N, C-alpha and C. Protein backbone atom coordinates (compact mmCIF):
# COMPACT_ATOMS: atom_id res chain seq x y z
N MET A 1 0.81 -1.20 0.00
CA MET A 1 0.00 0.00 0.00
C MET A 1 0.85 1.26 0.00
N PRO A 2 2.15 1.23 -0.20
CA PRO A 2 2.99 2.41 -0.11
C PRO A 2 2.52 3.61 -0.92
N SER A 3 1.95 3.41 -2.11
CA SER A 3 1.57 4.53 -2.95
C SER A 3 0.43 5.36 -2.35
N LYS A 4 -0.36 4.78 -1.45
CA LYS A 4 -1.51 5.49 -0.88
C LYS A 4 -1.21 6.08 0.49
N ARG A 5 -0.02 5.86 0.97
CA ARG A 5 0.33 6.39 2.29
C ARG A 5 0.55 7.89 2.22
N LYS A 6 0.09 8.55 3.24
CA LYS A 6 0.33 9.98 3.42
C LYS A 6 0.85 10.14 4.83
N ASN A 7 1.30 11.31 5.17
CA ASN A 7 1.81 11.58 6.50
C ASN A 7 2.98 10.66 6.84
N ILE A 8 3.97 10.63 5.96
CA ILE A 8 5.18 9.82 6.16
C ILE A 8 6.28 10.75 6.66
N TYR A 9 6.97 10.31 7.69
CA TYR A 9 8.07 11.08 8.25
C TYR A 9 9.29 10.17 8.33
N THR A 10 10.45 10.73 8.03
CA THR A 10 11.69 9.99 8.17
C THR A 10 12.47 10.64 9.30
N HIS A 11 12.55 9.93 10.40
CA HIS A 11 13.19 10.48 11.59
C HIS A 11 13.46 9.35 12.56
N SER A 12 14.57 9.44 13.25
CA SER A 12 14.81 8.42 14.28
C SER A 12 13.95 8.75 15.49
N ILE A 13 13.61 7.71 16.25
CA ILE A 13 12.78 7.92 17.42
C ILE A 13 13.23 6.95 18.51
N ASP A 14 13.33 7.47 19.72
CA ASP A 14 13.72 6.65 20.87
C ASP A 14 12.45 6.06 21.46
N LEU A 15 12.35 4.74 21.44
CA LEU A 15 11.13 4.08 21.88
C LEU A 15 11.35 3.26 23.14
N LYS A 16 10.34 3.24 23.95
CA LYS A 16 10.29 2.37 25.12
C LYS A 16 9.16 1.38 24.87
N LYS A 17 9.35 0.13 25.22
CA LYS A 17 8.29 -0.86 25.03
C LYS A 17 7.20 -0.66 26.07
N LEU A 18 5.95 -0.79 25.63
CA LEU A 18 4.79 -0.63 26.50
C LEU A 18 3.75 -1.64 26.07
N GLN A 19 3.20 -2.37 27.02
CA GLN A 19 2.13 -3.32 26.71
C GLN A 19 0.92 -3.00 27.57
N ILE A 20 -0.17 -2.77 26.90
CA ILE A 20 -1.45 -2.62 27.57
C ILE A 20 -2.43 -3.47 26.77
N LYS A 21 -3.00 -4.47 27.39
CA LYS A 21 -4.00 -5.30 26.73
C LYS A 21 -5.25 -4.47 26.48
N ASN A 22 -5.95 -4.80 25.42
CA ASN A 22 -7.19 -4.11 25.12
C ASN A 22 -8.20 -4.36 26.24
N LEU A 23 -8.97 -3.35 26.53
CA LEU A 23 -9.97 -3.39 27.60
C LEU A 23 -11.22 -2.67 27.12
N PRO A 24 -12.33 -2.80 27.86
CA PRO A 24 -13.49 -1.98 27.51
C PRO A 24 -13.10 -0.50 27.42
N HIS A 25 -13.82 0.22 26.60
CA HIS A 25 -13.49 1.59 26.21
C HIS A 25 -12.98 2.48 27.33
N ASP A 26 -13.77 2.67 28.38
CA ASP A 26 -13.39 3.62 29.42
C ASP A 26 -12.17 3.16 30.20
N GLU A 27 -12.01 1.86 30.41
CA GLU A 27 -10.84 1.34 31.14
C GLU A 27 -9.57 1.53 30.34
N PHE A 28 -9.62 1.24 29.04
CA PHE A 28 -8.45 1.40 28.17
C PHE A 28 -8.04 2.88 28.13
N ALA A 29 -9.01 3.77 28.01
CA ALA A 29 -8.74 5.21 27.97
C ALA A 29 -8.07 5.68 29.25
N LYS A 30 -8.47 5.15 30.41
CA LYS A 30 -7.85 5.54 31.68
C LYS A 30 -6.37 5.18 31.72
N TYR A 31 -6.04 3.96 31.25
CA TYR A 31 -4.63 3.55 31.20
C TYR A 31 -3.83 4.45 30.27
N ILE A 32 -4.38 4.72 29.11
CA ILE A 32 -3.68 5.53 28.12
C ILE A 32 -3.45 6.95 28.64
N ALA A 33 -4.43 7.52 29.30
CA ALA A 33 -4.31 8.88 29.81
C ALA A 33 -3.16 9.02 30.81
N GLN A 34 -2.81 7.93 31.47
CA GLN A 34 -1.76 7.98 32.49
C GLN A 34 -0.34 7.76 31.94
N ILE A 35 -0.21 7.47 30.67
CA ILE A 35 1.10 7.20 30.08
C ILE A 35 1.92 8.49 30.06
N PRO A 36 3.16 8.43 30.57
CA PRO A 36 4.03 9.62 30.51
C PRO A 36 4.38 10.01 29.07
N TYR A 37 4.78 11.25 28.87
CA TYR A 37 5.14 11.74 27.54
C TYR A 37 6.42 11.07 27.05
N ARG A 38 6.38 10.51 25.85
CA ARG A 38 7.54 9.95 25.14
C ARG A 38 7.04 9.07 24.01
N GLY A 39 7.92 8.36 23.33
CA GLY A 39 7.55 7.43 22.28
C GLY A 39 7.53 6.01 22.81
N TYR A 40 6.54 5.23 22.38
CA TYR A 40 6.39 3.85 22.86
C TYR A 40 6.14 2.89 21.70
N GLU A 41 6.80 1.74 21.77
CA GLU A 41 6.48 0.63 20.89
C GLU A 41 5.39 -0.15 21.60
N VAL A 42 4.19 -0.19 20.99
CA VAL A 42 3.06 -0.82 21.65
C VAL A 42 2.62 -2.13 21.01
N GLU A 43 3.00 -2.36 19.76
CA GLU A 43 2.64 -3.59 19.05
C GLU A 43 3.75 -3.92 18.07
N LYS A 44 4.08 -5.19 17.94
CA LYS A 44 5.02 -5.63 16.92
C LYS A 44 4.24 -6.40 15.87
N LEU A 45 4.49 -6.08 14.59
CA LEU A 45 3.80 -6.73 13.49
C LEU A 45 4.64 -7.89 12.96
N GLN A 46 3.97 -8.86 12.36
CA GLN A 46 4.65 -10.05 11.85
C GLN A 46 5.70 -9.70 10.79
N ASP A 47 5.51 -8.60 10.07
CA ASP A 47 6.44 -8.23 9.01
C ASP A 47 7.62 -7.39 9.51
N GLY A 48 7.74 -7.23 10.82
CA GLY A 48 8.87 -6.49 11.40
C GLY A 48 8.58 -5.03 11.72
N ARG A 49 7.49 -4.51 11.19
CA ARG A 49 7.12 -3.14 11.54
C ARG A 49 6.52 -3.12 12.94
N LYS A 50 6.26 -1.93 13.44
CA LYS A 50 5.73 -1.78 14.79
C LYS A 50 4.64 -0.71 14.78
N ILE A 51 3.70 -0.86 15.70
CA ILE A 51 2.76 0.22 15.98
C ILE A 51 3.38 0.98 17.14
N ILE A 52 3.52 2.27 16.97
CA ILE A 52 4.08 3.08 18.04
C ILE A 52 3.14 4.25 18.33
N ILE A 53 3.25 4.74 19.54
CA ILE A 53 2.53 5.96 19.89
C ILE A 53 3.55 6.96 20.41
N ALA A 54 3.27 8.22 20.16
CA ALA A 54 4.11 9.30 20.65
C ALA A 54 3.19 10.28 21.39
N LYS A 55 3.54 10.54 22.62
CA LYS A 55 2.72 11.40 23.47
C LYS A 55 3.57 12.56 23.97
N PRO A 56 3.11 13.79 23.91
CA PRO A 56 1.78 14.23 23.51
C PRO A 56 1.65 14.25 21.99
N GLY A 57 0.40 14.26 21.55
CA GLY A 57 0.10 14.36 20.13
C GLY A 57 -0.08 15.81 19.75
N GLY A 58 -0.79 16.05 18.67
CA GLY A 58 -0.92 17.42 18.19
C GLY A 58 -2.33 17.97 18.24
N LYS A 59 -3.26 17.24 18.85
CA LYS A 59 -4.65 17.67 18.91
C LYS A 59 -4.75 18.94 19.77
N ARG A 60 -5.47 19.90 19.25
CA ARG A 60 -5.65 21.15 19.99
C ARG A 60 -7.09 21.27 20.45
N GLY A 61 -7.23 21.77 21.66
CA GLY A 61 -8.55 22.00 22.23
C GLY A 61 -8.98 23.43 22.01
N MET A 62 -9.90 23.85 22.84
CA MET A 62 -10.37 25.23 22.76
C MET A 62 -9.22 26.18 23.05
N TYR A 63 -9.23 27.32 22.41
CA TYR A 63 -8.25 28.37 22.59
C TYR A 63 -6.85 27.94 22.16
N GLY A 64 -6.74 26.89 21.32
CA GLY A 64 -5.45 26.49 20.77
C GLY A 64 -4.55 25.72 21.71
N THR A 65 -5.03 25.38 22.89
CA THR A 65 -4.19 24.62 23.82
C THR A 65 -4.10 23.17 23.39
N ILE A 66 -2.93 22.57 23.58
CA ILE A 66 -2.73 21.17 23.22
C ILE A 66 -3.45 20.30 24.24
N LYS A 67 -4.17 19.29 23.73
CA LYS A 67 -4.81 18.32 24.62
C LYS A 67 -3.70 17.46 25.21
N LYS A 68 -3.51 17.54 26.50
CA LYS A 68 -2.35 16.92 27.16
C LYS A 68 -2.29 15.41 27.03
N GLU A 69 -3.39 14.74 26.94
CA GLU A 69 -3.36 13.28 26.92
C GLU A 69 -3.46 12.71 25.52
N ASP A 70 -3.52 13.57 24.51
CA ASP A 70 -3.56 13.11 23.12
C ASP A 70 -2.22 12.47 22.75
N PHE A 71 -2.24 11.57 21.77
CA PHE A 71 -1.00 10.99 21.26
C PHE A 71 -1.16 10.67 19.79
N PHE A 72 -0.03 10.52 19.11
CA PHE A 72 -0.01 10.12 17.71
C PHE A 72 0.10 8.61 17.63
N VAL A 73 -0.51 8.01 16.61
CA VAL A 73 -0.37 6.58 16.33
C VAL A 73 0.34 6.46 14.98
N PHE A 74 1.44 5.73 14.97
CA PHE A 74 2.22 5.54 13.76
C PHE A 74 2.43 4.06 13.49
N ILE A 75 2.62 3.72 12.21
CA ILE A 75 3.21 2.45 11.85
C ILE A 75 4.66 2.77 11.56
N PHE A 76 5.54 2.13 12.31
CA PHE A 76 6.98 2.42 12.26
C PHE A 76 7.69 1.30 11.51
N GLU A 77 8.41 1.71 10.47
CA GLU A 77 9.22 0.76 9.71
C GLU A 77 10.68 1.08 10.00
N PRO A 78 11.32 0.22 10.81
CA PRO A 78 12.72 0.50 11.15
C PRO A 78 13.58 0.60 9.88
N PRO A 79 14.58 1.49 9.84
CA PRO A 79 15.09 2.16 11.03
C PRO A 79 14.46 3.51 11.32
N ASP A 80 13.77 4.15 10.33
CA ASP A 80 13.37 5.53 10.62
C ASP A 80 12.16 6.05 9.84
N THR A 81 11.26 5.18 9.42
CA THR A 81 10.08 5.65 8.68
C THR A 81 8.84 5.55 9.57
N LEU A 82 8.18 6.67 9.74
CA LEU A 82 6.98 6.77 10.56
C LEU A 82 5.80 7.13 9.65
N TRP A 83 4.75 6.32 9.68
CA TRP A 83 3.55 6.60 8.90
C TRP A 83 2.40 6.84 9.87
N GLN A 84 1.91 8.07 9.87
CA GLN A 84 0.78 8.41 10.72
C GLN A 84 -0.50 8.02 9.97
N ILE A 85 -0.93 6.79 10.20
CA ILE A 85 -2.07 6.22 9.50
C ILE A 85 -3.35 6.93 9.95
N SER A 86 -4.29 7.10 9.02
CA SER A 86 -5.51 7.84 9.34
C SER A 86 -6.76 6.96 9.20
N HIS A 87 -7.85 7.44 9.78
CA HIS A 87 -9.15 6.77 9.64
C HIS A 87 -9.49 6.60 8.15
N LYS A 88 -9.31 7.67 7.39
CA LYS A 88 -9.67 7.65 5.97
C LYS A 88 -8.84 6.61 5.22
N GLN A 89 -7.55 6.54 5.49
CA GLN A 89 -6.70 5.56 4.81
C GLN A 89 -7.13 4.14 5.15
N ILE A 90 -7.45 3.89 6.41
CA ILE A 90 -7.89 2.56 6.82
C ILE A 90 -9.23 2.22 6.15
N TYR A 91 -10.15 3.15 6.16
CA TYR A 91 -11.45 2.88 5.56
C TYR A 91 -11.33 2.61 4.06
N MET A 92 -10.53 3.42 3.37
CA MET A 92 -10.33 3.21 1.93
C MET A 92 -9.70 1.85 1.67
N ASP A 93 -8.76 1.45 2.51
CA ASP A 93 -8.13 0.14 2.37
C ASP A 93 -9.16 -0.98 2.56
N LEU A 94 -10.01 -0.84 3.55
CA LEU A 94 -11.05 -1.85 3.79
C LEU A 94 -12.04 -1.91 2.62
N GLU A 95 -12.38 -0.77 2.06
CA GLU A 95 -13.27 -0.76 0.88
C GLU A 95 -12.62 -1.50 -0.28
N GLU A 96 -11.34 -1.26 -0.54
CA GLU A 96 -10.62 -1.97 -1.61
C GLU A 96 -10.63 -3.48 -1.35
N LYS A 97 -10.36 -3.86 -0.12
CA LYS A 97 -10.37 -5.28 0.24
C LYS A 97 -11.76 -5.88 -0.01
N SER A 98 -12.80 -5.12 0.27
CA SER A 98 -14.17 -5.64 0.13
C SER A 98 -14.53 -5.90 -1.33
N VAL A 99 -13.90 -5.19 -2.25
CA VAL A 99 -14.14 -5.41 -3.67
C VAL A 99 -13.41 -6.66 -4.14
N SER A 100 -12.14 -6.81 -3.74
CA SER A 100 -11.33 -7.92 -4.23
C SER A 100 -11.60 -9.24 -3.51
N ASN A 101 -12.00 -9.17 -2.23
CA ASN A 101 -12.23 -10.40 -1.46
C ASN A 101 -13.21 -10.11 -0.32
N PRO A 102 -14.51 -10.05 -0.63
CA PRO A 102 -15.51 -9.69 0.38
C PRO A 102 -15.52 -10.61 1.61
N GLU A 103 -15.37 -11.92 1.40
CA GLU A 103 -15.41 -12.86 2.53
C GLU A 103 -14.26 -12.61 3.50
N HIS A 104 -13.08 -12.37 2.95
CA HIS A 104 -11.92 -12.09 3.80
C HIS A 104 -12.11 -10.77 4.54
N THR A 105 -12.69 -9.79 3.85
CA THR A 105 -12.92 -8.49 4.47
C THR A 105 -13.91 -8.61 5.62
N ILE A 106 -14.93 -9.45 5.47
CA ILE A 106 -15.88 -9.67 6.57
C ILE A 106 -15.13 -10.20 7.79
N LYS A 107 -14.22 -11.14 7.59
CA LYS A 107 -13.42 -11.68 8.71
C LYS A 107 -12.61 -10.58 9.39
N ILE A 108 -11.99 -9.73 8.59
CA ILE A 108 -11.20 -8.62 9.15
C ILE A 108 -12.11 -7.69 9.95
N LEU A 109 -13.26 -7.34 9.38
CA LEU A 109 -14.19 -6.44 10.04
C LEU A 109 -14.75 -7.04 11.33
N GLU A 110 -14.96 -8.35 11.34
CA GLU A 110 -15.44 -9.00 12.57
C GLU A 110 -14.38 -8.95 13.67
N VAL A 111 -13.11 -9.08 13.30
CA VAL A 111 -12.04 -8.94 14.30
C VAL A 111 -11.96 -7.48 14.76
N LEU A 112 -12.10 -6.56 13.83
CA LEU A 112 -12.12 -5.14 14.22
C LEU A 112 -13.26 -4.87 15.20
N GLU A 113 -14.40 -5.50 14.98
CA GLU A 113 -15.53 -5.31 15.88
C GLU A 113 -15.19 -5.81 17.29
N GLU A 114 -14.51 -6.95 17.37
CA GLU A 114 -14.08 -7.46 18.68
C GLU A 114 -13.12 -6.48 19.35
N VAL A 115 -12.16 -5.96 18.58
CA VAL A 115 -11.20 -4.99 19.12
C VAL A 115 -11.94 -3.73 19.56
N TYR A 116 -12.87 -3.28 18.76
CA TYR A 116 -13.69 -2.12 19.11
C TYR A 116 -14.37 -2.35 20.47
N ASN A 117 -14.80 -3.59 20.71
CA ASN A 117 -15.50 -3.93 21.96
C ASN A 117 -14.57 -4.27 23.11
N GLY A 118 -13.27 -4.07 22.94
CA GLY A 118 -12.33 -4.24 24.04
C GLY A 118 -11.63 -5.58 24.11
N VAL A 119 -11.74 -6.39 23.07
CA VAL A 119 -11.08 -7.70 23.05
C VAL A 119 -9.70 -7.55 22.41
N GLU A 120 -8.70 -8.12 23.03
CA GLU A 120 -7.35 -8.11 22.47
C GLU A 120 -7.32 -9.00 21.23
N PRO A 121 -6.73 -8.51 20.12
CA PRO A 121 -6.67 -9.35 18.92
C PRO A 121 -5.81 -10.60 19.18
N LYS A 122 -6.32 -11.75 18.79
CA LYS A 122 -5.63 -13.02 19.05
C LYS A 122 -4.58 -13.29 17.98
N ALA A 123 -3.40 -13.73 18.42
CA ALA A 123 -2.27 -13.96 17.52
C ALA A 123 -2.60 -14.96 16.42
N ASP A 124 -3.28 -16.05 16.76
CA ASP A 124 -3.59 -17.07 15.75
C ASP A 124 -4.58 -16.55 14.71
N VAL A 125 -5.52 -15.72 15.12
CA VAL A 125 -6.49 -15.14 14.19
C VAL A 125 -5.78 -14.15 13.26
N ILE A 126 -4.91 -13.33 13.82
CA ILE A 126 -4.14 -12.36 13.03
C ILE A 126 -3.28 -13.10 11.99
N LYS A 127 -2.63 -14.16 12.44
CA LYS A 127 -1.78 -14.95 11.54
C LYS A 127 -2.61 -15.50 10.38
N GLN A 128 -3.80 -16.02 10.67
CA GLN A 128 -4.68 -16.55 9.64
C GLN A 128 -5.11 -15.45 8.67
N LEU A 129 -5.50 -14.29 9.19
CA LEU A 129 -5.92 -13.19 8.32
C LEU A 129 -4.79 -12.75 7.41
N ASN A 130 -3.57 -12.66 7.96
CA ASN A 130 -2.41 -12.24 7.17
C ASN A 130 -2.02 -13.28 6.13
N SER A 131 -2.36 -14.54 6.36
CA SER A 131 -1.95 -15.60 5.43
C SER A 131 -2.87 -15.68 4.20
N GLU A 132 -4.07 -15.14 4.30
CA GLU A 132 -4.99 -15.15 3.16
C GLU A 132 -4.61 -14.04 2.18
N LYS A 133 -5.05 -14.19 0.95
CA LYS A 133 -4.76 -13.19 -0.08
C LYS A 133 -5.53 -11.90 0.23
N TYR A 134 -4.83 -10.78 0.17
CA TYR A 134 -5.47 -9.48 0.41
C TYR A 134 -4.78 -8.41 -0.41
N THR A 135 -5.49 -7.31 -0.63
CA THR A 135 -4.91 -6.14 -1.28
C THR A 135 -4.58 -5.14 -0.20
N GLY A 136 -3.72 -4.20 -0.52
CA GLY A 136 -3.43 -3.10 0.40
C GLY A 136 -2.61 -3.48 1.61
N GLU A 137 -2.90 -2.84 2.70
CA GLU A 137 -2.16 -3.00 3.96
C GLU A 137 -2.51 -4.33 4.61
N SER A 138 -1.60 -4.82 5.44
CA SER A 138 -1.86 -6.09 6.12
C SER A 138 -3.02 -5.93 7.09
N PRO A 139 -3.88 -6.95 7.18
CA PRO A 139 -4.98 -6.90 8.15
C PRO A 139 -4.45 -6.65 9.57
N GLU A 140 -3.34 -7.27 9.91
CA GLU A 140 -2.77 -7.10 11.24
C GLU A 140 -2.47 -5.63 11.53
N ALA A 141 -1.87 -4.93 10.58
CA ALA A 141 -1.53 -3.51 10.79
C ALA A 141 -2.79 -2.69 11.04
N LEU A 142 -3.83 -2.93 10.25
CA LEU A 142 -5.07 -2.18 10.41
C LEU A 142 -5.72 -2.44 11.76
N ILE A 143 -5.77 -3.69 12.15
CA ILE A 143 -6.41 -4.08 13.41
C ILE A 143 -5.65 -3.53 14.61
N LYS A 144 -4.34 -3.71 14.62
CA LYS A 144 -3.55 -3.26 15.77
C LYS A 144 -3.44 -1.74 15.82
N ALA A 145 -3.41 -1.09 14.67
CA ALA A 145 -3.40 0.38 14.68
C ALA A 145 -4.71 0.91 15.24
N TYR A 146 -5.82 0.29 14.81
CA TYR A 146 -7.11 0.77 15.28
C TYR A 146 -7.30 0.57 16.78
N LYS A 147 -6.73 -0.47 17.34
CA LYS A 147 -6.80 -0.65 18.80
C LYS A 147 -6.35 0.64 19.49
N TRP A 148 -5.25 1.19 19.03
CA TRP A 148 -4.68 2.39 19.65
C TRP A 148 -5.37 3.67 19.20
N ILE A 149 -5.78 3.72 17.96
CA ILE A 149 -6.52 4.90 17.49
C ILE A 149 -7.83 5.03 18.26
N TRP A 150 -8.52 3.90 18.47
CA TRP A 150 -9.77 3.96 19.23
C TRP A 150 -9.52 4.37 20.67
N GLY A 151 -8.44 3.91 21.26
CA GLY A 151 -8.10 4.37 22.61
C GLY A 151 -7.87 5.87 22.62
N GLN A 152 -7.18 6.35 21.61
CA GLN A 152 -6.92 7.78 21.47
C GLN A 152 -8.23 8.56 21.34
N GLU A 153 -9.15 8.05 20.54
CA GLU A 153 -10.43 8.72 20.35
C GLU A 153 -11.24 8.77 21.66
N ASP A 154 -11.16 7.72 22.45
CA ASP A 154 -11.87 7.71 23.74
C ASP A 154 -11.27 8.71 24.72
N VAL A 155 -9.97 8.95 24.60
CA VAL A 155 -9.32 9.95 25.46
C VAL A 155 -9.68 11.35 24.99
N ASN A 156 -9.61 11.59 23.68
CA ASN A 156 -9.85 12.93 23.14
C ASN A 156 -11.32 13.33 23.13
N TYR A 157 -12.20 12.36 22.90
CA TYR A 157 -13.63 12.64 22.76
C TYR A 157 -14.43 11.69 23.65
N PRO A 158 -14.26 11.82 24.97
CA PRO A 158 -14.87 10.85 25.89
C PRO A 158 -16.40 10.89 25.90
N PRO A 159 -16.99 9.69 25.85
CA PRO A 159 -18.43 9.59 26.03
C PRO A 159 -18.78 9.92 27.49
N PRO A 160 -19.93 10.33 27.82
CA PRO A 160 -21.11 10.45 26.97
C PRO A 160 -21.21 11.78 26.24
N LYS A 161 -20.36 12.76 26.58
CA LYS A 161 -20.46 14.05 25.91
C LYS A 161 -20.16 13.94 24.42
N PHE A 162 -19.18 13.10 24.07
CA PHE A 162 -18.80 12.89 22.68
C PHE A 162 -18.94 11.41 22.34
N LYS A 163 -18.63 11.04 21.11
CA LYS A 163 -18.80 9.65 20.67
C LYS A 163 -17.58 8.77 20.87
N GLY A 164 -16.40 9.34 21.14
CA GLY A 164 -15.20 8.52 21.27
C GLY A 164 -15.01 7.66 20.03
N ARG A 165 -14.69 6.40 20.24
CA ARG A 165 -14.43 5.46 19.13
C ARG A 165 -15.66 5.18 18.28
N ALA A 166 -16.84 5.45 18.82
CA ALA A 166 -18.07 5.15 18.08
C ALA A 166 -18.17 5.95 16.79
N MET A 167 -17.55 7.13 16.75
CA MET A 167 -17.63 7.96 15.55
C MET A 167 -17.04 7.22 14.35
N SER A 168 -15.85 6.67 14.48
CA SER A 168 -15.23 5.98 13.34
C SER A 168 -15.84 4.59 13.13
N TRP A 169 -16.33 3.99 14.20
CA TRP A 169 -16.92 2.66 14.06
C TRP A 169 -18.19 2.68 13.22
N GLU A 170 -18.91 3.78 13.23
CA GLU A 170 -20.16 3.86 12.47
C GLU A 170 -19.97 3.49 11.00
N GLY A 171 -18.96 4.07 10.36
CA GLY A 171 -18.71 3.79 8.95
C GLY A 171 -18.25 2.37 8.72
N ILE A 172 -17.40 1.87 9.61
CA ILE A 172 -16.88 0.52 9.46
C ILE A 172 -17.99 -0.51 9.68
N SER A 173 -18.82 -0.28 10.66
CA SER A 173 -19.92 -1.23 10.92
C SER A 173 -20.92 -1.22 9.77
N GLU A 174 -21.09 -0.08 9.13
CA GLU A 174 -21.98 -0.01 7.96
C GLU A 174 -21.40 -0.84 6.81
N LEU A 175 -20.09 -0.77 6.61
CA LEU A 175 -19.44 -1.58 5.58
C LEU A 175 -19.63 -3.07 5.89
N LEU A 176 -19.46 -3.44 7.13
CA LEU A 176 -19.66 -4.84 7.55
C LEU A 176 -21.10 -5.28 7.27
N ARG A 177 -22.05 -4.46 7.64
CA ARG A 177 -23.46 -4.76 7.40
C ARG A 177 -23.74 -4.98 5.92
N LYS A 178 -23.22 -4.09 5.07
CA LYS A 178 -23.44 -4.19 3.62
C LYS A 178 -22.85 -5.50 3.08
N LEU A 179 -21.64 -5.82 3.52
CA LEU A 179 -21.00 -7.04 3.02
C LEU A 179 -21.75 -8.30 3.44
N LYS A 180 -22.25 -8.31 4.66
CA LYS A 180 -22.98 -9.48 5.15
C LYS A 180 -24.32 -9.63 4.46
N ASN A 181 -24.90 -8.53 3.99
CA ASN A 181 -26.22 -8.58 3.35
C ASN A 181 -26.15 -8.78 1.84
N LYS A 182 -24.97 -8.97 1.28
CA LYS A 182 -24.85 -9.19 -0.18
C LYS A 182 -25.25 -10.60 -0.53
């Protein structure tokens, strides 16, 4: 998927390993909010890349102040390529997958739904998804990136005042519904 990537940075980054298992929305957000400022390797991908977060992020609140608990989510390709993956890029990738292999895309979306609901993605399921034929980005990268993006959304836009992760899930769940009803 390299040709469709945007927000690519080439820079070295000092990372500390951090593991937080996926949890229900509010619990995961509480853990994330307490993370000290710095760069963290939070997921390792089968292809050698990593999901990393860098805190603080760049989200601005009212009056231009930086939201203190915001963070960036990147796919890091050692030694120094950082890709700040976006909701739009993930959604477009899932749409492409749904055209070339709808059944496989349903499986990916069902795992995303579990992750959305606070379930840690299972290694054997990820391995199976990655082993099937797919277009675009690896299913593992999308799933593990979204785990952290959704945590970020719950921190930045906490329910009940805002939608948190539900905002991005709406479009993805609609895609899942359409594919299942074909």
